[in-house]
């Protein structure tokens, strides 16, 4: 019994501390978000029930919404009459889909776009539709 002193007691406490630390590390790994989970965001149907079409006030639709990188915009529209062009600021201002901008133009009628940070501009490239208000500028944080 004389061999038991402070050193032995601290040895068993040290084992408890090490076991506790290992348990905390395991819990941290299990509770950490999966890789890529931070990229998942909210999904917004552009124009809500009306969709992507003429005679919708997209400025009003944007009111109160805050977009974050990873959020998704869903453009639902009649592909016989409309499309969606992701354009530059100038293309948005002048309602032009410029071939030199290499703007993606979607024509499926149900297109999903994942938003990176920045300001992004979308128009309908069908003649006169953008001028009639079929355009959307989205600021993404």
C-alpha atoms as a PDB file:
ATOM      1  CA  UNK A   1       0.000   0.000   0.000  1.00  0.00           C
ATOM      2  CA  UNK A   2       2.938   2.255   0.510  1.00  0.00           C
ATOM      3  CA  UNK A   3       3.426   2.206  -3.267  1.00  0.00           C
ATOM      4  CA  UNK A   4       0.194   4.062  -3.757  1.00  0.00           C
ATOM      5  CA  UNK A   5       0.755   7.761  -3.638  1.00  0.00           C
ATOM      6  CA  UNK A   6      -0.111  10.834  -5.544  1.00  0.00           C
ATOM      7  CA  UNK A   7       1.503   9.526  -8.713  1.00  0.00           C
ATOM      8  CA  UNK A   8      -0.818   6.532  -8.933  1.00  0.00           C
ATOM      9  CA  UNK A   9      -3.939   8.597  -8.331  1.00  0.00           C
ATOM     10  CA  UNK A  10      -2.996  11.061 -11.030  1.00  0.00           C
ATOM     11  CA  UNK A  11      -2.354   8.158 -13.377  1.00  0.00           C
ATOM     12  CA  UNK A  12      -5.948   6.962 -13.094  1.00  0.00           C
ATOM     13  CA  UNK A  13      -7.238  10.528 -13.403  1.00  0.00           C
ATOM     14  CA  UNK A  14      -5.086  10.919 -16.508  1.00  0.00           C
ATOM     15  CA  UNK A  15      -6.733   7.842 -18.032  1.00  0.00           C
ATOM     16  CA  UNK A  16     -10.169   9.333 -17.302  1.00  0.00           C
ATOM     17  CA  UNK A  17      -9.165  12.644 -18.882  1.00  0.00           C
ATOM     18  CA  UNK A  18      -7.834  10.875 -21.979  1.00  0.00           C
ATOM     19  CA  UNK A  19     -11.025   8.805 -22.294  1.00  0.00           C
ATOM     20  CA  UNK A  20     -13.143  11.947 -21.906  1.00  0.00           C
ATOM     21  CA  UNK A  21     -11.122  13.769 -24.557  1.00  0.00           C
ATOM     22  CA  UNK A  22     -11.485  10.833 -26.953  1.00  0.00           C
ATOM     23  CA  UNK A  23     -15.245  10.811 -26.359  1.00  0.00           C
ATOM     24  CA  UNK A  24     -15.473  14.568 -27.042  1.00  0.00           C
ATOM     25  CA  UNK A  25     -13.473  14.191 -30.272  1.00  0.00           C
ATOM     26  CA  UNK A  26     -15.740  11.377 -31.440  1.00  0.00           C
ATOM     27  CA  UNK A  27     -18.821  13.479 -30.657  1.00  0.00           C
ATOM     28  CA  UNK A  28     -17.385  16.441 -32.588  1.00  0.00           C
ATOM     29  CA  UNK A  29     -16.790  14.268 -35.649  1.00  0.00           C
ATOM     30  CA  UNK A  30     -20.307  12.815 -35.492  1.00  0.00           C
ATOM     31  CA  UNK A  31     -21.954  16.215 -35.067  1.00  0.00           C
ATOM     32  CA  UNK A  32     -19.942  18.019 -37.762  1.00  0.00           C
ATOM     33  CA  UNK A  33     -21.861  18.782 -40.982  1.00  0.00           C
ATOM     34  CA  UNK A  34     -21.229  16.500 -43.906  1.00  0.00           C
ATOM     35  CA  UNK A  35     -18.850  17.817 -46.575  1.00  0.00           C
ATOM     36  CA  UNK A  36     -20.797  20.004 -48.988  1.00  0.00           C
ATOM     37  CA  UNK A  37     -23.720  20.402 -46.581  1.00  0.00           C
ATOM     38  CA  UNK A  38     -23.046  24.120 -46.330  1.00  0.00           C
ATOM     39  CA  UNK A  39     -23.671  24.423 -50.088  1.00  0.00           C
ATOM     40  CA  UNK A  40     -27.277  23.290 -49.738  1.00  0.00           C
ATOM     41  CA  UNK A  41     -29.593  26.257 -49.579  1.00  0.00           C
ATOM     42  CA  UNK A  42     -33.170  27.371 -49.965  1.00  0.00           C
ATOM     43  CA  UNK A  43     -35.139  26.805 -53.163  1.00  0.00           C
ATOM     44  CA  UNK A  44     -37.266  29.578 -54.651  1.00  0.00           C
ATOM     45  CA  UNK A  45     -39.865  29.186 -57.389  1.00  0.00           C
ATOM     46  CA  UNK A  46     -39.447  32.372 -59.420  1.00  0.00           C
ATOM     47  CA  UNK A  47     -42.770  34.215 -59.562  1.00  0.00           C
ATOM     48  CA  UNK A  48     -44.331  31.719 -57.138  1.00  0.00           C
ATOM     49  CA  UNK A  49     -47.524  30.211 -58.620  1.00  0.00           C
ATOM     50  CA  UNK A  50     -47.405  32.491 -61.694  1.00  0.00           C
ATOM     51  CA  UNK A  51     -43.923  31.235 -62.596  1.00  0.00           C
ATOM     52  CA  UNK A  52     -41.629  32.847 -65.171  1.00  0.00           C
ATOM     53  CA  UNK A  53     -43.996  34.682 -67.483  1.00  0.00           C
ATOM     54  CA  UNK A  54     -45.168  38.100 -68.586  1.00  0.00           C
ATOM     55  CA  UNK A  55     -47.229  40.435 -66.401  1.00  0.00           C
ATOM     56  CA  UNK A  56     -45.483  39.482 -63.152  1.00  0.00           C
ATOM     57  CA  UNK A  57     -43.793  42.125 -61.007  1.00  0.00           C
ATOM     58  CA  UNK A  58     -40.516  40.386 -60.216  1.00  0.00           C
ATOM     59  CA  UNK A  59     -39.380  43.356 -58.135  1.00  0.00           C
ATOM     60  CA  UNK A  60     -42.347  42.722 -55.865  1.00  0.00           C
ATOM     61  CA  UNK A  61     -41.611  38.991 -55.889  1.00  0.00           C
ATOM     62  CA  UNK A  62     -38.060  39.738 -54.658  1.00  0.00           C
ATOM     63  CA  UNK A  63     -39.289  41.939 -51.781  1.00  0.00           C
ATOM     64  CA  UNK A  64     -38.399  40.496 -48.388  1.00  0.00           C
ATOM     65  CA  UNK A  65     -36.236  37.697 -49.787  1.00  0.00           C
ATOM     66  CA  UNK A  66     -32.556  37.360 -48.933  1.00  0.00           C
ATOM     67  CA  UNK A  67     -30.536  35.032 -51.127  1.00  0.00           C
ATOM     68  CA  UNK A  68     -27.409  33.197 -50.050  1.00  0.00           C
ATOM     69  CA  UNK A  69     -24.753  31.329 -52.011  1.00  0.00           C
ATOM     70  CA  UNK A  70     -26.063  27.830 -52.664  1.00  0.00           C
ATOM     71  CA  UNK A  71     -29.728  28.872 -52.893  1.00  0.00           C
ATOM     72  CA  UNK A  72     -31.589  27.633 -55.949  1.00  0.00           C
ATOM     73  CA  UNK A  73     -33.875  29.508 -58.319  1.00  0.00           C
ATOM     74  CA  UNK A  74     -36.415  27.397 -60.177  1.00  0.00           C
ATOM     75  CA  UNK A  75     -37.757  28.923 -63.381  1.00  0.00           C
ATOM     76  CA  UNK A  76     -41.043  27.282 -64.399  1.00  0.00           C
ATOM     77  CA  UNK A  77     -42.472  28.482 -67.733  1.00  0.00           C
ATOM     78  CA  UNK A  78     -44.032  27.497 -71.032  1.00  0.00           C
ATOM     79  CA  UNK A  79     -40.996  26.729 -73.202  1.00  0.00           C
ATOM     80  CA  UNK A  80     -43.019  27.355 -76.361  1.00  0.00           C
ATOM     81  CA  UNK A  81     -43.200  31.065 -75.488  1.00  0.00           C
ATOM     82  CA  UNK A  82     -40.299  31.813 -73.094  1.00  0.00           C
ATOM     83  CA  UNK A  83     -36.721  31.036 -72.128  1.00  0.00           C
ATOM     84  CA  UNK A  84     -34.313  32.106 -69.383  1.00  0.00           C
ATOM     85  CA  UNK A  85     -31.015  33.804 -70.180  1.00  0.00           C
ATOM     86  CA  UNK A  86     -28.414  34.390 -67.452  1.00  0.00           C
ATOM     87  CA  UNK A  87     -26.927  37.670 -68.684  1.00  0.00           C
ATOM     88  CA  UNK A  88     -24.503  40.432 -67.716  1.00  0.00           C
ATOM     89  CA  UNK A  89     -25.587  43.666 -66.059  1.00  0.00           C
ATOM     90  CA  UNK A  90     -25.529  45.349 -69.489  1.00  0.00           C
ATOM     91  CA  UNK A  91     -27.603  42.548 -70.983  1.00  0.00           C
ATOM     92  CA  UNK A  92     -30.117  43.039 -68.191  1.00  0.00           C
ATOM     93  CA  UNK A  93     -30.202  46.814 -68.621  1.00  0.00           C
ATOM     94  CA  UNK A  94     -30.571  46.677 -72.400  1.00  0.00           C
ATOM     95  CA  UNK A  95     -32.559  43.410 -72.612  1.00  0.00           C
ATOM     96  CA  UNK A  96     -29.926  41.766 -74.797  1.00  0.00           C
ATOM     97  CA  UNK A  97     -28.616  38.221 -74.871  1.00  0.00           C
ATOM     98  CA  UNK A  98     -25.178  38.857 -76.312  1.00  0.00           C
ATOM     99  CA  UNK A  99     -23.280  35.988 -77.945  1.00  0.00           C
ATOM    100  CA  UNK A 100     -20.019  37.490 -76.689  1.00  0.00           C
ATOM    101  CA  UNK A 101     -21.257  37.208 -73.074  1.00  0.00           C
ATOM    102  CA  UNK A 102     -21.679  33.469 -73.631  1.00  0.00           C
ATOM    103  CA  UNK A 103     -24.744  33.677 -71.431  1.00  0.00           C
ATOM    104  CA  UNK A 104     -26.349  30.358 -70.615  1.00  0.00           C
ATOM    105  CA  UNK A 105     -29.827  30.210 -72.115  1.00  0.00           C
ATOM    106  CA  UNK A 106     -32.244  27.670 -70.679  1.00  0.00           C
ATOM    107  CA  UNK A 107     -35.211  26.389 -72.650  1.00  0.00           C
ATOM    108  CA  UNK A 108     -36.568  23.311 -70.855  1.00  0.00           C
ATOM    109  CA  UNK A 109     -39.541  25.008 -69.180  1.00  0.00           C
ATOM    110  CA  UNK A 110     -38.326  23.898 -65.751  1.00  0.00           C
ATOM    111  CA  UNK A 111     -34.791  25.069 -65.044  1.00  0.00           C
ATOM    112  CA  UNK A 112     -32.942  25.128 -61.736  1.00  0.00           C
ATOM    113  CA  UNK A 113     -30.017  27.479 -61.166  1.00  0.00           C
ATOM    114  CA  UNK A 114     -27.708  27.294 -58.119  1.00  0.00           C
ATOM    115  CA  UNK A 115     -26.674  30.813 -57.147  1.00  0.00           C
ATOM    116  CA  UNK A 116     -23.096  31.746 -56.302  1.00  0.00           C
ATOM    117  CA  UNK A 117     -22.366  34.914 -54.315  1.00  0.00           C
ATOM    118  CA  UNK A 118     -22.697  38.171 -56.267  1.00  0.00           C
ATOM    119  CA  UNK A 119     -25.406  39.863 -58.298  1.00  0.00           C
ATOM    120  CA  UNK A 120     -26.976  37.827 -61.082  1.00  0.00           C
ATOM    121  CA  UNK A 121     -29.230  38.908 -63.918  1.00  0.00           C
ATOM    122  CA  UNK A 122     -31.864  36.878 -65.751  1.00  0.00           C
ATOM    123  CA  UNK A 123     -34.067  37.873 -68.682  1.00  0.00           C
ATOM    124  CA  UNK A 124     -36.430  36.251 -71.122  1.00  0.00           C
ATOM    125  CA  UNK A 125     -34.626  36.386 -74.455  1.00  0.00           C
ATOM    126  CA  UNK A 126     -37.806  36.275 -76.535  1.00  0.00           C
ATOM    127  CA  UNK A 127     -38.234  39.647 -78.311  1.00  0.00           C
ATOM    128  CA  UNK A 128     -40.101  42.260 -76.258  1.00  0.00           C
ATOM    129  CA  UNK A 129     -40.565  40.038 -73.176  1.00  0.00           C
ATOM    130  CA  UNK A 130     -37.683  41.557 -71.202  1.00  0.00           C
ATOM    131  CA  UNK A 131     -38.840  45.067 -72.127  1.00  0.00           C
ATOM    132  CA  UNK A 132     -42.275  44.082 -70.803  1.00  0.00           C
ATOM    133  CA  UNK A 133     -40.728  43.257 -67.392  1.00  0.00           C
ATOM    134  CA  UNK A 134     -39.641  39.639 -67.727  1.00  0.00           C
ATOM    135  CA  UNK A 135     -36.310  40.241 -66.005  1.00  0.00           C
ATOM    136  CA  UNK A 136     -34.845  39.524 -62.613  1.00  0.00           C
ATOM    137  CA  UNK A 137     -31.777  40.861 -60.766  1.00  0.00           C
ATOM    138  CA  UNK A 138     -30.799  38.840 -57.694  1.00  0.00           C
ATOM    139  CA  UNK A 139     -28.208  39.892 -55.099  1.00  0.00           C
ATOM    140  CA  UNK A 140     -26.700  36.854 -53.417  1.00  0.00           C
ATOM    141  CA  UNK A 141     -24.756  36.992 -50.131  1.00  0.00           C
END
